[in-house]
Amino acid sequence: MNRPTLLCLAGVVWWVAPCAAGADIVSFVASRDNTLYQSASGAVSNGVGPGFTTGTNSQGGIRRALIAFDIASNVPAGATIQNVSLQLHLSRTVSGAADVSLFRALADWGEGTSNAGSNDGQGAPATPGDATWIHRFYNTVFWTNAGGDFAGGASGSASVDQVEFYTWSSAAMATDVQSWLDAPAAAFGWGVLIDGASPGTTKRFDSREAADPTLRPVLTVTYAVPGPGGAVVLAGVAALFARRGRK
């Protein structure tokens, strides 16, 4: 536990309380995930399947994954986010290394009951509330842009090759999580994208519904919660110095 600091200035003793507590770390599984399958009709999804897919299949069809976390239920309100890392497990690949990037989603989206099972490369019929290539919520609410609405710059990127665990971490990701903690209604998560890839470059990650819980997507957040502040005392110290300077 942090102890107050004793200052002796001009014969006056000041007790300065610590301004913040030590950092805490919490890890938690995704609250929703899905796959957007390039489709003019937007009739394909994979809401509760055991995996989600990103990249371009051998026929040239684009896949984009979505993932979100319930920050407000796992990190105290008012906390300062210091560091963030996302761990995903790659369970299937048909190609070599590729840069997989996270782009902050700009609109809300859903996870319905569609389940492609092991056929997650092609998807399953979308169900009400699913995110699809053209729908945020099938089949009544639409993306502004087909394929999802995302920030222009990536929040994080990692080179992903063969089956194993991969981690994304960056200052921009921490900024995203801070914004979601401060405004939970806008916590739309990230798009997991391999854009501009040539055909035959899809990669499948285990989803939050994976049978093995150790393979599910996990977000680890390091944060600090403000403790009893020393601001008033420090202001008094500053005022004392100011008075002494005028003598």
Protein backbone atom coordinates (compact mmCIF):
# COMPACT_ATOMS: atom_id res chain seq x y z
CA MET A 1 0.00 0.00 0.00
CA ASN A 2 1.26 3.50 -0.83
CA ARG A 3 2.05 5.65 2.21
CA PRO A 4 1.49 9.42 2.50
CA THR A 5 4.59 11.51 1.93
CA LEU A 6 5.76 13.81 4.74
CA LEU A 7 6.92 17.25 3.63
CA CYS A 8 8.39 19.89 5.95
CA LEU A 9 8.34 23.32 4.35
CA ALA A 10 8.93 26.57 6.25
CA GLY A 11 8.29 24.77 9.51
CA VAL A 12 4.90 23.48 8.35
CA VAL A 13 4.32 19.73 8.08
CA TRP A 14 2.26 18.60 5.09
CA TRP A 15 0.91 15.09 4.63
CA VAL A 16 0.53 14.34 0.93
CA ALA A 17 -1.70 11.38 0.16
CA PRO A 18 -0.93 9.26 -2.91
CA CYS A 19 -2.84 10.40 -6.00
CA ALA A 20 -3.39 6.94 -7.48
CA ALA A 21 -3.44 3.33 -6.40
CA GLY A 22 -1.19 0.68 -7.92
CA ALA A 23 -2.05 -0.85 -11.28
CA ASP A 24 -4.46 -3.78 -11.55
CA ILE A 25 -4.71 -6.37 -14.31
CA VAL A 26 -7.86 -8.12 -15.50
CA SER A 27 -8.43 -10.63 -18.31
CA PHE A 28 -11.81 -11.54 -19.79
CA VAL A 29 -13.33 -13.30 -22.79
CA ALA A 30 -15.06 -11.57 -25.71
CA SER A 31 -18.72 -10.68 -25.23
CA ARG A 32 -19.58 -11.24 -28.93
CA ASP A 33 -17.94 -12.06 -32.24
CA ASN A 34 -19.03 -12.77 -35.80
CA THR A 35 -17.87 -13.01 -39.42
CA LEU A 36 -18.88 -10.77 -42.33
CA TYR A 37 -19.04 -12.78 -45.57
CA GLN A 38 -18.91 -10.77 -48.79
CA SER A 39 -22.41 -11.08 -50.18
CA ALA A 40 -24.72 -8.73 -52.06
CA SER A 41 -27.75 -10.16 -50.25
CA GLY A 42 -26.20 -10.16 -46.78
CA ALA A 43 -27.83 -13.49 -46.01
CA VAL A 44 -24.76 -15.24 -44.55
CA SER A 45 -23.28 -15.04 -41.05
CA ASN A 46 -21.78 -17.13 -38.23
CA GLY A 47 -22.97 -15.67 -34.95
CA VAL A 48 -22.42 -18.55 -32.52
CA GLY A 49 -20.04 -20.72 -34.52
CA PRO A 50 -16.86 -22.02 -32.87
CA GLY A 51 -14.65 -19.82 -35.05
CA PHE A 52 -14.49 -16.59 -37.02
CA THR A 53 -12.68 -16.00 -40.30
CA THR A 54 -10.78 -13.19 -41.98
CA GLY A 55 -8.98 -12.85 -45.33
CA THR A 56 -9.92 -13.77 -48.90
CA ASN A 57 -10.99 -17.27 -49.91
CA SER A 58 -9.83 -19.13 -53.02
CA GLN A 59 -12.80 -17.77 -55.01
CA GLY A 60 -11.94 -14.17 -54.11
CA GLY A 61 -14.65 -13.74 -51.48
CA ILE A 62 -13.67 -11.40 -48.65
CA ARG A 63 -14.22 -12.32 -45.00
CA ARG A 64 -13.95 -9.89 -42.11
CA ALA A 65 -14.25 -10.78 -38.44
CA LEU A 66 -15.80 -8.70 -35.67
CA ILE A 67 -15.01 -8.93 -31.96
CA ALA A 68 -16.14 -6.90 -28.95
CA PHE A 69 -15.60 -6.93 -25.18
CA ASP A 70 -17.72 -5.71 -22.26
CA ILE A 71 -15.22 -3.23 -20.84
CA ALA A 72 -17.60 -1.50 -18.41
CA SER A 73 -18.46 -4.77 -16.61
CA ASN A 74 -14.82 -5.71 -16.09
CA VAL A 75 -12.95 -2.45 -15.46
CA PRO A 76 -14.01 0.09 -12.78
CA ALA A 77 -15.54 3.34 -13.99
CA GLY A 78 -13.08 6.21 -13.86
CA ALA A 79 -10.04 3.96 -14.26
CA THR A 80 -7.10 4.97 -16.43
CA ILE A 81 -6.18 2.35 -19.01
CA GLN A 82 -2.43 1.80 -19.09
CA ASN A 83 -1.99 -1.19 -21.37
CA VAL A 84 -4.12 -3.57 -23.44
CA SER A 85 -3.37 -6.87 -25.15
CA LEU A 86 -5.64 -9.11 -27.22
CA GLN A 87 -4.89 -12.83 -27.51
CA LEU A 88 -6.43 -14.90 -30.30
CA HIS A 89 -5.83 -18.53 -31.18
CA LEU A 90 -5.40 -19.33 -34.86
CA SER A 91 -6.99 -22.74 -35.48
CA ARG A 92 -6.89 -23.00 -39.28
CA THR A 93 -4.93 -21.45 -42.15
CA VAL A 94 -4.51 -22.14 -45.86
CA SER A 95 -1.55 -19.82 -46.41
CA GLY A 96 1.62 -18.42 -44.89
CA ALA A 97 2.21 -15.29 -42.83
CA ALA A 98 -0.18 -12.36 -43.19
CA ASP A 99 -0.63 -9.06 -41.34
CA VAL A 100 -3.91 -9.19 -39.41
CA SER A 101 -5.04 -5.74 -38.28
CA LEU A 102 -7.58 -4.41 -35.79
CA PHE A 103 -9.80 -1.53 -36.89
CA ARG A 104 -12.15 0.18 -34.42
CA ALA A 105 -15.78 -0.44 -35.40
CA LEU A 106 -17.78 2.78 -35.79
CA ALA A 107 -21.27 1.33 -35.39
CA ASP A 108 -23.00 -1.30 -33.30
CA TRP A 109 -23.55 -4.82 -34.64
CA GLY A 110 -25.07 -8.10 -33.58
CA GLU A 111 -24.42 -11.75 -32.92
CA GLY A 112 -27.41 -13.88 -33.82
CA THR A 113 -27.87 -17.66 -33.64
CA SER A 114 -26.35 -18.62 -37.00
CA ASN A 115 -23.79 -21.42 -36.70
CA ALA A 116 -21.61 -22.56 -39.58
CA GLY A 117 -19.86 -25.19 -37.47
CA SER A 118 -16.76 -26.48 -39.26
CA ASN A 119 -17.95 -24.77 -42.47
CA ASP A 120 -17.04 -21.34 -41.11
CA GLY A 121 -15.26 -20.43 -44.34
CA GLN A 122 -18.62 -20.28 -46.11
CA GLY A 123 -20.93 -19.32 -43.24
CA ALA A 124 -24.53 -20.23 -42.47
CA PRO A 125 -27.91 -18.61 -43.15
CA ALA A 126 -28.15 -15.38 -41.16
CA THR A 127 -30.66 -15.18 -38.33
CA PRO A 128 -32.38 -12.10 -36.84
CA GLY A 129 -29.86 -9.81 -35.18
CA ASP A 130 -26.80 -11.16 -37.00
CA ALA A 131 -24.13 -8.92 -38.47
CA THR A 132 -23.67 -9.60 -42.18
CA TRP A 133 -21.81 -8.00 -45.07
CA ILE A 134 -24.53 -5.37 -45.49
CA HIS A 135 -26.42 -5.57 -42.18
CA ARG A 136 -25.42 -4.47 -38.71
CA PHE A 137 -28.48 -6.37 -37.46
CA TYR A 138 -30.03 -8.78 -39.95
CA ASN A 139 -32.18 -7.88 -41.74
CA THR A 140 -33.41 -4.43 -40.72
CA VAL A 141 -30.36 -2.28 -39.80
CA PHE A 142 -27.65 -1.64 -42.39
CA TRP A 143 -23.99 -0.65 -42.40
CA THR A 144 -23.28 2.69 -44.06
CA ASN A 145 -20.62 0.86 -46.08
CA ALA A 146 -20.95 -2.74 -47.22
CA GLY A 147 -18.39 -4.82 -45.37
CA GLY A 148 -18.66 -2.81 -42.14
CA ASP A 149 -17.93 0.68 -40.87
CA PHE A 150 -14.42 1.02 -39.43
CA ALA A 151 -11.93 3.73 -38.48
CA GLY A 152 -9.53 4.67 -41.26
CA GLY A 153 -6.36 3.62 -39.42
CA ALA A 154 -5.53 0.34 -37.75
CA SER A 155 -5.38 0.26 -33.94
CA GLY A 156 -3.02 -2.70 -33.95
CA SER A 157 -1.45 -5.29 -36.22
CA ALA A 158 0.33 -8.63 -35.91
CA SER A 159 1.91 -11.05 -38.34
CA VAL A 160 -0.06 -14.30 -38.21
CA ASP A 161 1.33 -17.49 -39.74
CA GLN A 162 0.59 -21.04 -38.57
CA VAL A 163 -1.69 -22.48 -35.87
CA GLU A 164 -0.85 -21.03 -32.44
CA PHE A 165 -1.66 -18.09 -30.14
CA TYR A 166 -1.07 -14.51 -31.32
CA THR A 167 -1.12 -11.23 -29.40
CA TRP A 168 -1.97 -7.66 -30.41
CA SER A 169 -0.98 -4.71 -28.20
CA SER A 170 -0.55 -1.00 -28.87
CA ALA A 171 -1.11 2.48 -27.45
CA ALA A 172 -3.97 2.96 -29.94
CA MET A 173 -5.72 -0.15 -28.61
CA ALA A 174 -5.41 1.24 -25.08
CA THR A 175 -6.97 4.48 -26.32
CA ASP A 176 -9.85 2.52 -27.85
CA VAL A 177 -10.49 0.65 -24.61
CA GLN A 178 -10.34 3.88 -22.60
CA SER A 179 -12.97 5.40 -24.87
CA TRP A 180 -15.20 2.32 -24.46
CA LEU A 181 -14.85 2.47 -20.69
CA ASP A 182 -15.74 6.18 -20.66
CA ALA A 183 -18.64 5.71 -23.12
CA PRO A 184 -19.93 2.12 -22.93
CA ALA A 185 -22.72 2.79 -25.42
CA ALA A 186 -20.05 3.22 -28.10
CA ALA A 187 -18.10 0.04 -27.27
CA PHE A 188 -18.46 -1.56 -30.69
CA GLY A 189 -15.19 -3.48 -30.67
CA TRP A 190 -12.79 -4.14 -33.54
CA GLY A 191 -12.88 -5.49 -37.03
CA VAL A 192 -10.22 -8.19 -37.51
CA LEU A 193 -9.11 -7.68 -41.10
CA ILE A 194 -6.65 -8.90 -43.72
CA ASP A 195 -7.53 -6.38 -46.40
CA GLY A 196 -6.00 -6.37 -49.86
CA ALA A 197 -5.01 -10.02 -49.57
CA SER A 198 -4.79 -12.26 -52.60
CA PRO A 199 -7.22 -15.23 -52.96
CA GLY A 200 -6.53 -18.21 -50.73
CA THR A 201 -5.39 -16.27 -47.65
CA THR A 202 -8.17 -16.90 -45.13
CA LYS A 203 -7.37 -17.52 -41.47
CA ARG A 204 -9.73 -18.92 -38.86
CA PHE A 205 -9.54 -17.99 -35.18
CA ASP A 206 -11.35 -19.68 -32.30
CA SER A 207 -14.36 -17.70 -31.17
CA ARG A 208 -15.85 -17.14 -27.72
CA GLU A 209 -18.00 -20.24 -28.35
CA ALA A 210 -14.99 -22.54 -28.86
CA ALA A 211 -15.43 -25.85 -27.05
CA ASP A 212 -12.04 -25.47 -25.34
CA PRO A 213 -12.29 -22.38 -23.10
CA THR A 214 -8.52 -21.90 -23.14
CA LEU A 215 -8.68 -21.10 -26.87
CA ARG A 216 -11.28 -18.33 -26.65
CA PRO A 217 -10.41 -14.67 -27.37
CA VAL A 218 -9.10 -12.90 -24.27
CA LEU A 219 -8.51 -9.21 -23.63
CA THR A 220 -6.05 -8.31 -20.86
CA VAL A 221 -6.28 -4.78 -19.47
CA THR A 222 -3.86 -3.05 -17.11
CA TYR A 223 -5.47 -0.08 -15.39
CA ALA A 224 -5.11 2.27 -12.43
CA VAL A 225 -7.93 3.56 -10.25
CA PRO A 226 -7.53 7.06 -8.76
CA GLY A 227 -6.93 6.94 -5.01
CA PRO A 228 -7.27 9.68 -2.38
CA GLY A 229 -5.90 12.76 -4.08
CA GLY A 230 -3.16 15.01 -2.81
CA ALA A 231 -4.24 17.85 -5.08
CA VAL A 232 -5.59 20.11 -2.30
CA VAL A 233 -2.49 19.67 -0.15
CA LEU A 234 -0.15 20.25 -3.07
CA ALA A 235 -2.08 23.40 -3.95
CA GLY A 236 -1.47 24.58 -0.39
CA VAL A 237 2.25 23.91 -0.76
CA ALA A 238 2.31 25.91 -3.99
CA ALA A 239 0.49 28.79 -2.29
CA LEU A 240 3.02 28.76 0.56
CA PHE A 241 5.92 29.01 -1.87
CA ALA A 242 4.15 31.86 -3.65
CA ARG A 243 3.79 33.81 -0.40
CA ARG A 244 7.42 33.21 0.51
CA GLY A 245 8.49 34.47 -2.91
CA ARG A 246 6.71 37.80 -2.37
CA LYS A 247 8.56 38.57 0.87
